[in-house]
N, C-alpha and C. Protein backbone atom coordinates (compact mmCIF):
# COMPACT_ATOMS: atom_id res chain seq x y z
N MET A 1 78.74 89.85 109.65
CA MET A 1 78.30 89.20 108.44
C MET A 1 76.84 88.78 108.54
N LEU A 2 76.44 88.32 109.72
CA LEU A 2 75.07 87.87 109.89
C LEU A 2 74.09 89.02 109.66
N GLU A 3 74.41 90.19 110.20
CA GLU A 3 73.51 91.33 110.01
C GLU A 3 73.45 91.72 108.53
N LEU A 4 74.57 91.71 107.84
CA LEU A 4 74.57 92.00 106.41
C LEU A 4 73.68 91.02 105.66
N THR A 5 73.78 89.75 106.00
CA THR A 5 72.98 88.72 105.35
C THR A 5 71.49 88.92 105.62
N ILE A 6 71.14 89.24 106.85
CA ILE A 6 69.74 89.50 107.19
C ILE A 6 69.22 90.68 106.38
N LEU A 7 69.96 91.78 106.41
CA LEU A 7 69.54 92.98 105.67
C LEU A 7 69.43 92.69 104.17
N GLY A 8 70.40 91.93 103.64
CA GLY A 8 70.39 91.63 102.21
C GLY A 8 69.18 90.82 101.78
N PHE A 9 68.88 89.76 102.52
CA PHE A 9 67.73 88.95 102.14
C PHE A 9 66.41 89.71 102.32
N LEU A 10 66.33 90.54 103.36
CA LEU A 10 65.10 91.30 103.56
C LEU A 10 64.97 92.45 102.57
N ALA A 11 66.06 92.88 101.95
CA ALA A 11 65.98 93.88 100.88
C ALA A 11 65.29 93.28 99.65
N GLU A 12 65.39 91.97 99.51
CA GLU A 12 64.76 91.29 98.37
C GLU A 12 63.27 91.10 98.58
N GLN A 13 62.87 90.80 99.83
CA GLN A 13 61.45 90.61 100.14
C GLN A 13 61.27 90.39 101.64
N PRO A 14 60.09 90.73 102.18
CA PRO A 14 59.82 90.42 103.58
C PRO A 14 59.80 88.90 103.79
N LEU A 15 60.28 88.48 104.96
CA LEU A 15 60.35 87.05 105.29
C LEU A 15 60.04 86.85 106.76
N HIS A 16 59.55 85.66 107.09
CA HIS A 16 59.45 85.36 108.51
C HIS A 16 60.74 84.66 108.93
N GLY A 17 60.95 84.55 110.23
CA GLY A 17 62.22 84.07 110.77
C GLY A 17 62.69 82.75 110.21
N TYR A 18 61.80 81.78 110.08
CA TYR A 18 62.20 80.46 109.58
C TYR A 18 62.67 80.56 108.13
N GLU A 19 61.94 81.31 107.28
CA GLU A 19 62.35 81.48 105.88
C GLU A 19 63.72 82.16 105.80
N LEU A 20 63.90 83.17 106.64
CA LEU A 20 65.17 83.88 106.66
C LEU A 20 66.30 82.94 107.06
N LYS A 21 66.09 82.15 108.09
CA LYS A 21 67.10 81.20 108.55
C LYS A 21 67.45 80.20 107.44
N GLU A 22 66.45 79.71 106.71
CA GLU A 22 66.69 78.76 105.63
C GLU A 22 67.52 79.38 104.50
N ARG A 23 67.27 80.64 104.19
CA ARG A 23 68.05 81.31 103.13
C ARG A 23 69.48 81.52 103.57
N ILE A 24 69.65 81.90 104.84
CA ILE A 24 71.01 82.08 105.36
C ILE A 24 71.73 80.74 105.36
N ARG A 25 71.06 79.68 105.76
CA ARG A 25 71.66 78.35 105.77
C ARG A 25 72.07 77.94 104.35
N ALA A 26 71.21 78.21 103.38
CA ALA A 26 71.52 77.85 101.99
C ALA A 26 72.73 78.64 101.47
N LEU A 27 72.88 79.88 101.91
CA LEU A 27 73.99 80.70 101.44
C LEU A 27 75.31 80.26 102.07
N SER A 28 75.32 79.98 103.35
CA SER A 28 76.60 79.70 104.00
C SER A 28 76.54 78.61 105.06
N GLY A 29 75.43 77.92 105.19
CA GLY A 29 75.25 76.97 106.27
C GLY A 29 76.25 75.84 106.32
N HIS A 30 76.68 75.34 105.16
CA HIS A 30 77.63 74.22 105.20
C HIS A 30 78.99 74.67 105.71
N VAL A 31 79.27 75.96 105.64
CA VAL A 31 80.55 76.47 106.10
C VAL A 31 80.41 77.04 107.51
N ARG A 32 79.41 77.88 107.69
CA ARG A 32 79.19 78.54 108.98
C ARG A 32 77.70 78.53 109.29
N PRO A 33 77.22 77.44 109.85
CA PRO A 33 75.77 77.36 110.12
C PRO A 33 75.34 78.43 111.13
N VAL A 34 74.12 78.91 110.96
CA VAL A 34 73.60 79.93 111.87
C VAL A 34 72.66 79.25 112.87
N SER A 35 72.86 79.57 114.13
CA SER A 35 72.01 79.00 115.17
C SER A 35 70.93 80.01 115.53
N ASP A 36 69.86 79.51 116.15
CA ASP A 36 68.82 80.41 116.65
C ASP A 36 69.42 81.38 117.67
N GLY A 37 70.40 80.91 118.43
CA GLY A 37 71.04 81.73 119.44
C GLY A 37 71.85 82.89 118.88
N ALA A 38 72.17 82.83 117.59
CA ALA A 38 72.85 83.95 116.93
C ALA A 38 71.85 84.76 116.09
N LEU A 39 70.95 84.06 115.39
CA LEU A 39 70.04 84.74 114.46
C LEU A 39 69.06 85.65 115.18
N TYR A 40 68.35 85.13 116.16
CA TYR A 40 67.27 85.92 116.77
C TYR A 40 67.79 87.11 117.58
N PRO A 41 68.92 87.02 118.28
CA PRO A 41 69.46 88.23 118.90
C PRO A 41 69.87 89.29 117.84
N ALA A 42 70.40 88.83 116.70
CA ALA A 42 70.76 89.78 115.63
C ALA A 42 69.51 90.47 115.09
N ILE A 43 68.44 89.71 114.91
CA ILE A 43 67.18 90.30 114.46
C ILE A 43 66.68 91.32 115.49
N THR A 44 66.76 90.97 116.75
CA THR A 44 66.31 91.88 117.81
C THR A 44 67.12 93.17 117.80
N ARG A 45 68.45 93.06 117.64
CA ARG A 45 69.30 94.27 117.56
C ARG A 45 68.88 95.16 116.39
N LEU A 46 68.62 94.54 115.24
CA LEU A 46 68.23 95.31 114.06
C LEU A 46 66.85 95.94 114.23
N LEU A 47 65.94 95.24 114.89
CA LEU A 47 64.62 95.81 115.19
C LEU A 47 64.76 97.02 116.11
N LYS A 48 65.53 96.87 117.19
CA LYS A 48 65.72 97.96 118.15
C LYS A 48 66.40 99.17 117.51
N ALA A 49 67.26 98.92 116.53
CA ALA A 49 67.96 100.01 115.84
C ALA A 49 67.09 100.65 114.76
N GLY A 50 65.89 100.13 114.56
CA GLY A 50 64.99 100.70 113.56
C GLY A 50 65.32 100.31 112.13
N LYS A 51 66.13 99.25 111.96
CA LYS A 51 66.53 98.83 110.62
C LYS A 51 65.60 97.77 110.04
N LEU A 52 64.80 97.15 110.92
CA LEU A 52 63.80 96.17 110.50
C LEU A 52 62.46 96.56 111.10
N ALA A 53 61.41 96.15 110.43
CA ALA A 53 60.05 96.27 110.97
C ALA A 53 59.48 94.86 111.02
N GLU A 54 58.53 94.65 111.90
CA GLU A 54 57.89 93.34 111.96
C GLU A 54 56.38 93.52 112.07
N HIS A 55 55.69 92.56 111.52
CA HIS A 55 54.25 92.50 111.70
C HIS A 55 53.85 91.03 111.77
N THR A 56 52.71 90.80 112.37
CA THR A 56 52.25 89.43 112.60
C THR A 56 51.25 89.05 111.53
N GLU A 57 51.43 87.85 111.00
CA GLU A 57 50.50 87.28 110.01
C GLU A 57 49.96 85.98 110.57
N PRO A 58 48.75 85.62 110.19
CA PRO A 58 48.24 84.32 110.65
C PRO A 58 49.09 83.19 110.07
N GLY A 59 49.35 82.18 110.88
CA GLY A 59 50.08 81.01 110.42
C GLY A 59 49.17 80.10 109.61
N ALA A 60 49.73 79.30 108.74
CA ALA A 60 48.94 78.39 107.89
C ALA A 60 48.14 77.41 108.73
N SER A 61 48.80 76.79 109.69
CA SER A 61 48.09 75.84 110.56
C SER A 61 48.58 75.92 111.99
N ALA A 62 49.36 76.94 112.27
CA ALA A 62 49.95 77.04 113.60
C ALA A 62 49.75 78.45 114.15
N ALA A 63 50.58 78.80 115.07
CA ALA A 63 50.53 80.12 115.69
C ALA A 63 50.85 81.21 114.67
N PRO A 64 50.49 82.42 114.94
CA PRO A 64 50.81 83.52 114.03
C PRO A 64 52.31 83.62 113.78
N ARG A 65 52.67 84.09 112.58
CA ARG A 65 54.08 84.22 112.20
C ARG A 65 54.50 85.68 112.24
N ARG A 66 55.70 85.88 112.68
CA ARG A 66 56.30 87.21 112.72
C ARG A 66 57.02 87.44 111.39
N THR A 67 56.56 88.38 110.59
CA THR A 67 57.19 88.66 109.30
C THR A 67 58.05 89.91 109.43
N LEU A 68 59.26 89.83 108.91
CA LEU A 68 60.22 90.92 108.99
C LEU A 68 60.37 91.60 107.64
N SER A 69 60.56 92.90 107.67
CA SER A 69 60.82 93.66 106.44
C SER A 69 61.88 94.72 106.74
N LEU A 70 62.48 95.22 105.70
CA LEU A 70 63.54 96.21 105.81
C LEU A 70 62.92 97.60 105.88
N THR A 71 63.45 98.45 106.75
CA THR A 71 63.03 99.85 106.80
C THR A 71 63.98 100.67 105.92
N GLU A 72 63.68 101.94 105.75
CA GLU A 72 64.59 102.81 104.99
C GLU A 72 65.94 102.91 105.68
N ALA A 73 65.93 102.96 107.02
CA ALA A 73 67.21 102.98 107.76
C ALA A 73 67.98 101.68 107.54
N GLY A 74 67.28 100.57 107.47
CA GLY A 74 67.92 99.29 107.19
C GLY A 74 68.51 99.24 105.79
N ARG A 75 67.78 99.78 104.83
CA ARG A 75 68.28 99.81 103.45
C ARG A 75 69.53 100.70 103.37
N ALA A 76 69.51 101.83 104.04
CA ALA A 76 70.67 102.72 104.03
C ALA A 76 71.88 102.03 104.66
N ASP A 77 71.66 101.32 105.77
CA ASP A 77 72.74 100.58 106.43
C ASP A 77 73.29 99.49 105.52
N LEU A 78 72.41 98.75 104.88
CA LEU A 78 72.83 97.70 103.95
C LEU A 78 73.70 98.27 102.84
N LEU A 79 73.26 99.34 102.22
CA LEU A 79 74.02 99.93 101.12
C LEU A 79 75.38 100.44 101.60
N GLU A 80 75.42 101.00 102.80
CA GLU A 80 76.70 101.46 103.35
C GLU A 80 77.63 100.27 103.60
N ARG A 81 77.11 99.19 104.15
CA ARG A 81 77.94 98.00 104.39
C ARG A 81 78.46 97.41 103.08
N LEU A 82 77.66 97.49 102.03
CA LEU A 82 78.10 96.97 100.73
C LEU A 82 79.10 97.91 100.07
N ARG A 83 78.91 99.21 100.19
CA ARG A 83 79.84 100.17 99.60
C ARG A 83 81.21 100.12 100.26
N HIS A 84 81.21 99.91 101.57
CA HIS A 84 82.45 99.95 102.35
C HIS A 84 82.57 98.73 103.25
N PRO A 85 82.75 97.55 102.63
CA PRO A 85 82.88 96.34 103.47
C PRO A 85 84.15 96.41 104.32
N LYS A 86 84.09 95.79 105.48
CA LYS A 86 85.26 95.71 106.35
C LYS A 86 86.37 94.96 105.62
N GLU A 87 87.60 95.18 106.06
CA GLU A 87 88.75 94.52 105.44
C GLU A 87 88.57 93.00 105.44
N ALA A 88 88.14 92.44 106.56
CA ALA A 88 87.95 90.98 106.64
C ALA A 88 86.87 90.49 105.68
N ASP A 89 85.91 91.35 105.34
CA ASP A 89 84.85 90.97 104.40
C ASP A 89 85.38 90.91 102.97
N VAL A 90 86.54 91.49 102.74
CA VAL A 90 87.17 91.46 101.42
C VAL A 90 88.23 90.37 101.36
N THR A 91 88.94 90.13 102.46
CA THR A 91 90.07 89.19 102.43
C THR A 91 89.67 87.75 102.75
N ASP A 92 88.59 87.55 103.46
CA ASP A 92 88.12 86.20 103.77
C ASP A 92 87.19 85.74 102.65
N GLY A 93 87.50 84.62 102.03
CA GLY A 93 86.75 84.16 100.87
C GLY A 93 85.27 83.95 101.13
N GLN A 94 84.91 83.31 102.22
CA GLN A 94 83.49 83.05 102.50
C GLN A 94 82.75 84.34 102.82
N ARG A 95 83.38 85.22 103.55
CA ARG A 95 82.75 86.51 103.86
C ARG A 95 82.58 87.32 102.58
N PHE A 96 83.57 87.24 101.67
CA PHE A 96 83.46 87.97 100.41
C PHE A 96 82.31 87.42 99.58
N PHE A 97 82.08 86.12 99.62
CA PHE A 97 80.94 85.54 98.90
C PHE A 97 79.63 86.13 99.43
N THR A 98 79.56 86.38 100.71
CA THR A 98 78.35 86.99 101.27
C THR A 98 78.18 88.40 100.72
N VAL A 99 79.26 89.16 100.65
CA VAL A 99 79.18 90.49 100.04
C VAL A 99 78.72 90.37 98.59
N LEU A 100 79.31 89.44 97.84
CA LEU A 100 78.94 89.26 96.44
C LEU A 100 77.46 88.90 96.27
N ALA A 101 76.92 88.14 97.22
CA ALA A 101 75.52 87.71 97.11
C ALA A 101 74.57 88.90 97.06
N PHE A 102 74.99 90.04 97.60
CA PHE A 102 74.09 91.19 97.66
C PHE A 102 74.65 92.42 96.96
N LEU A 103 75.82 92.32 96.34
CA LEU A 103 76.46 93.47 95.72
C LEU A 103 75.61 94.10 94.61
N SER A 104 74.78 93.29 93.97
CA SER A 104 73.92 93.84 92.90
C SER A 104 72.87 94.80 93.45
N LEU A 105 72.68 94.83 94.77
CA LEU A 105 71.73 95.78 95.37
C LEU A 105 72.28 97.20 95.37
N LEU A 106 73.60 97.35 95.21
CA LEU A 106 74.16 98.70 95.07
C LEU A 106 73.77 99.24 93.70
N PRO A 107 73.12 100.38 93.64
CA PRO A 107 72.63 100.86 92.35
C PRO A 107 73.71 101.41 91.42
N ASP A 108 74.86 101.81 91.96
CA ASP A 108 75.89 102.44 91.15
C ASP A 108 76.99 101.43 90.79
N PRO A 109 77.17 101.15 89.50
CA PRO A 109 78.23 100.23 89.08
C PRO A 109 79.62 100.66 89.55
N ALA A 110 79.84 101.95 89.71
CA ALA A 110 81.15 102.41 90.19
C ALA A 110 81.39 101.95 91.62
N ASP A 111 80.34 101.94 92.44
CA ASP A 111 80.48 101.43 93.81
C ASP A 111 80.74 99.93 93.81
N GLN A 112 80.06 99.21 92.93
CA GLN A 112 80.28 97.77 92.82
C GLN A 112 81.73 97.50 92.40
N ALA A 113 82.20 98.25 91.41
CA ALA A 113 83.56 98.06 90.90
C ALA A 113 84.60 98.36 91.98
N ALA A 114 84.36 99.36 92.81
CA ALA A 114 85.31 99.71 93.87
C ALA A 114 85.50 98.53 94.83
N VAL A 115 84.42 97.83 95.15
CA VAL A 115 84.52 96.67 96.03
C VAL A 115 85.31 95.56 95.34
N LEU A 116 85.03 95.32 94.07
CA LEU A 116 85.74 94.27 93.34
C LEU A 116 87.23 94.61 93.19
N ARG A 117 87.54 95.88 93.01
CA ARG A 117 88.97 96.27 92.91
C ARG A 117 89.69 96.02 94.23
N ARG A 118 89.01 96.22 95.36
CA ARG A 118 89.64 95.90 96.65
C ARG A 118 89.96 94.41 96.75
N ARG A 119 89.03 93.57 96.29
CA ARG A 119 89.28 92.13 96.34
C ARG A 119 90.43 91.76 95.41
N LYS A 120 90.47 92.35 94.22
CA LYS A 120 91.53 92.05 93.27
C LYS A 120 92.88 92.48 93.81
N GLU A 121 92.93 93.63 94.45
CA GLU A 121 94.18 94.10 95.06
C GLU A 121 94.65 93.11 96.12
N PHE A 122 93.73 92.60 96.91
CA PHE A 122 94.09 91.60 97.91
C PHE A 122 94.64 90.33 97.24
N LEU A 123 93.95 89.86 96.21
CA LEU A 123 94.39 88.63 95.53
C LEU A 123 95.73 88.80 94.83
N ASP A 124 96.03 90.02 94.39
CA ASP A 124 97.29 90.27 93.68
C ASP A 124 98.48 90.43 94.62
N THR A 125 98.23 90.46 95.93
CA THR A 125 99.32 90.54 96.90
C THR A 125 99.87 89.14 97.12
N PRO A 126 101.16 88.93 96.87
CA PRO A 126 101.72 87.58 97.04
C PRO A 126 101.51 87.05 98.46
N ALA A 127 101.07 85.81 98.54
CA ALA A 127 100.83 85.18 99.84
C ALA A 127 100.93 83.67 99.70
N SER A 128 101.10 83.02 100.83
CA SER A 128 101.16 81.56 100.87
C SER A 128 100.66 81.11 102.23
N PHE A 129 100.28 79.87 102.32
CA PHE A 129 99.92 79.29 103.61
C PHE A 129 101.18 78.97 104.41
N PHE A 130 102.28 78.72 103.70
CA PHE A 130 103.50 78.23 104.33
C PHE A 130 104.69 79.08 103.91
N TYR A 131 105.60 79.29 104.87
CA TYR A 131 106.78 80.11 104.63
C TYR A 131 108.02 79.36 105.12
N ARG A 132 109.13 79.60 104.42
CA ARG A 132 110.42 79.05 104.83
C ARG A 132 111.40 80.20 104.82
N GLU A 133 112.02 80.44 105.96
CA GLU A 133 112.99 81.53 106.09
C GLU A 133 112.41 82.86 105.61
N GLY A 134 111.16 83.10 105.95
CA GLY A 134 110.51 84.37 105.63
C GLY A 134 109.98 84.50 104.22
N SER A 135 110.17 83.48 103.38
CA SER A 135 109.70 83.54 102.00
C SER A 135 108.57 82.55 101.78
N PRO A 136 107.61 82.91 100.94
CA PRO A 136 106.52 81.97 100.66
C PRO A 136 107.03 80.71 99.96
N VAL A 137 106.44 79.58 100.29
CA VAL A 137 106.81 78.32 99.67
C VAL A 137 105.81 78.04 98.55
N ARG A 138 106.34 77.73 97.36
CA ARG A 138 105.49 77.40 96.21
C ARG A 138 105.07 75.94 96.27
N ALA A 139 103.96 75.63 95.63
CA ALA A 139 103.43 74.26 95.65
C ALA A 139 104.46 73.25 95.17
N GLU A 140 105.19 73.61 94.14
CA GLU A 140 106.17 72.68 93.56
C GLU A 140 107.32 72.36 94.52
N GLU A 141 107.50 73.20 95.52
CA GLU A 141 108.59 73.01 96.49
C GLU A 141 108.17 72.18 97.69
N MET A 142 106.89 71.83 97.76
CA MET A 142 106.37 71.11 98.93
C MET A 142 106.56 69.61 98.76
N ALA A 143 107.15 68.99 99.76
CA ALA A 143 107.28 67.53 99.74
C ALA A 143 106.00 66.88 100.23
N ASP A 144 105.30 67.53 101.12
CA ASP A 144 104.06 67.01 101.68
C ASP A 144 102.96 67.12 100.61
N PRO A 145 102.41 66.01 100.14
CA PRO A 145 101.42 66.07 99.05
C PRO A 145 100.13 66.79 99.45
N PHE A 146 99.81 66.79 100.72
CA PHE A 146 98.57 67.43 101.16
C PHE A 146 98.72 68.95 101.20
N ARG A 147 99.87 69.39 101.68
CA ARG A 147 100.13 70.83 101.64
C ARG A 147 100.30 71.29 100.20
N GLN A 148 100.92 70.47 99.38
CA GLN A 148 101.05 70.80 97.97
C GLN A 148 99.66 70.95 97.35
N GLY A 149 98.75 70.06 97.72
CA GLY A 149 97.37 70.14 97.23
C GLY A 149 96.69 71.43 97.64
N MET A 150 96.89 71.82 98.90
CA MET A 150 96.31 73.09 99.36
C MET A 150 96.78 74.24 98.50
N LEU A 151 98.07 74.29 98.24
CA LEU A 151 98.64 75.40 97.46
C LEU A 151 98.18 75.37 96.01
N ARG A 152 98.11 74.18 95.42
CA ARG A 152 97.67 74.09 94.02
C ARG A 152 96.20 74.49 93.86
N VAL A 153 95.36 74.03 94.77
CA VAL A 153 93.94 74.38 94.70
C VAL A 153 93.76 75.89 94.92
N ALA A 154 94.48 76.45 95.90
CA ALA A 154 94.38 77.89 96.16
C ALA A 154 94.85 78.69 94.94
N ARG A 155 95.92 78.25 94.28
CA ARG A 155 96.43 78.95 93.11
C ARG A 155 95.41 78.90 91.97
N ALA A 156 94.83 77.73 91.73
CA ALA A 156 93.84 77.60 90.65
C ALA A 156 92.59 78.42 90.94
N THR A 157 92.13 78.38 92.17
CA THR A 157 90.94 79.15 92.55
C THR A 157 91.22 80.64 92.41
N GLY A 158 92.38 81.07 92.87
CA GLY A 158 92.74 82.49 92.77
C GLY A 158 92.85 82.95 91.33
N ALA A 159 93.39 82.12 90.47
CA ALA A 159 93.52 82.49 89.05
C ALA A 159 92.14 82.64 88.42
N GLU A 160 91.24 81.74 88.71
CA GLU A 160 89.88 81.83 88.14
C GLU A 160 89.15 83.05 88.69
N GLU A 161 89.33 83.32 89.99
CA GLU A 161 88.67 84.49 90.58
C GLU A 161 89.21 85.77 89.95
N ARG A 162 90.51 85.84 89.72
CA ARG A 162 91.09 87.03 89.06
C ARG A 162 90.51 87.22 87.66
N ARG A 163 90.37 86.12 86.91
CA ARG A 163 89.78 86.21 85.57
C ARG A 163 88.36 86.77 85.65
N TRP A 164 87.57 86.22 86.58
CA TRP A 164 86.19 86.70 86.74
C TRP A 164 86.17 88.17 87.14
N LEU A 165 87.04 88.56 88.08
CA LEU A 165 87.10 89.96 88.51
C LEU A 165 87.43 90.87 87.33
N ASP A 166 88.43 90.50 86.53
CA ASP A 166 88.80 91.31 85.38
C ASP A 166 87.63 91.45 84.40
N GLU A 167 86.96 90.35 84.11
CA GLU A 167 85.80 90.39 83.19
C GLU A 167 84.69 91.28 83.74
N THR A 168 84.38 91.11 85.01
CA THR A 168 83.29 91.86 85.61
C THR A 168 83.62 93.34 85.72
N LEU A 169 84.86 93.64 86.09
CA LEU A 169 85.27 95.05 86.14
C LEU A 169 85.19 95.70 84.76
N ALA A 170 85.56 94.97 83.71
CA ALA A 170 85.45 95.50 82.35
C ALA A 170 83.99 95.76 81.99
N THR A 171 83.12 94.85 82.37
CA THR A 171 81.68 95.01 82.10
C THR A 171 81.13 96.22 82.85
N LEU A 172 81.49 96.35 84.11
CA LEU A 172 80.99 97.49 84.91
C LEU A 172 81.50 98.81 84.38
N ALA A 173 82.70 98.81 83.77
CA ALA A 173 83.26 100.04 83.20
C ALA A 173 82.53 100.46 81.93
N GLY A 174 81.75 99.51 81.37
CA GLY A 174 80.94 99.84 80.20
C GLY A 174 81.66 99.60 78.92
C-alpha cells in the first residue's frame, strides 16, 4: 500500500520526501501512520527499480532537498496496481480508500468500474464480525450493546457504500 501511495502522489506532481510524507500522513496517518523507517526504504526500492527519479534542489534556508518524480516505468506500475488491486486492497476498507484516492488516474472508465465491481461483490457477500453455531449474528440479536453498535455501524456504512458504488458505476457506464 505504501508504494501505491508514493506512486499515486508522485503521479500528481514531483515532491520532496517531507511533502510526500505529509500527504501520506493526511491520507491515512490517523489509522496507519508512516514512519521514516518505512517510507525511505520504500522510496529507495522504487528508485532502484527505476520507478522514481530524483534530483536535488536548493533548500529555502537549509540543506539541498531531494525532489522525487515518477518515471514512465513508475506510471506503468501505478496503473497496473490500480487496474488489478490485490484482494486485500479490495476487502480491507482503509486499503480500499487508498485505491480510491488514486483510481481517477486510470484513464479508462471501464477499468475504474471493474475495480468498483470487485468491491461491490465483496460487500454483497454476507458477513459478520460474530458467529453463533456457524451462522452470522445480526445486530438485533446481540445482547452486548458494544458489539451491537459495531454491527449497526458496519451495516449503515456498508449500505451507504453500496449506494455510492451503484451511483458511480451507473455514471461510469455513461
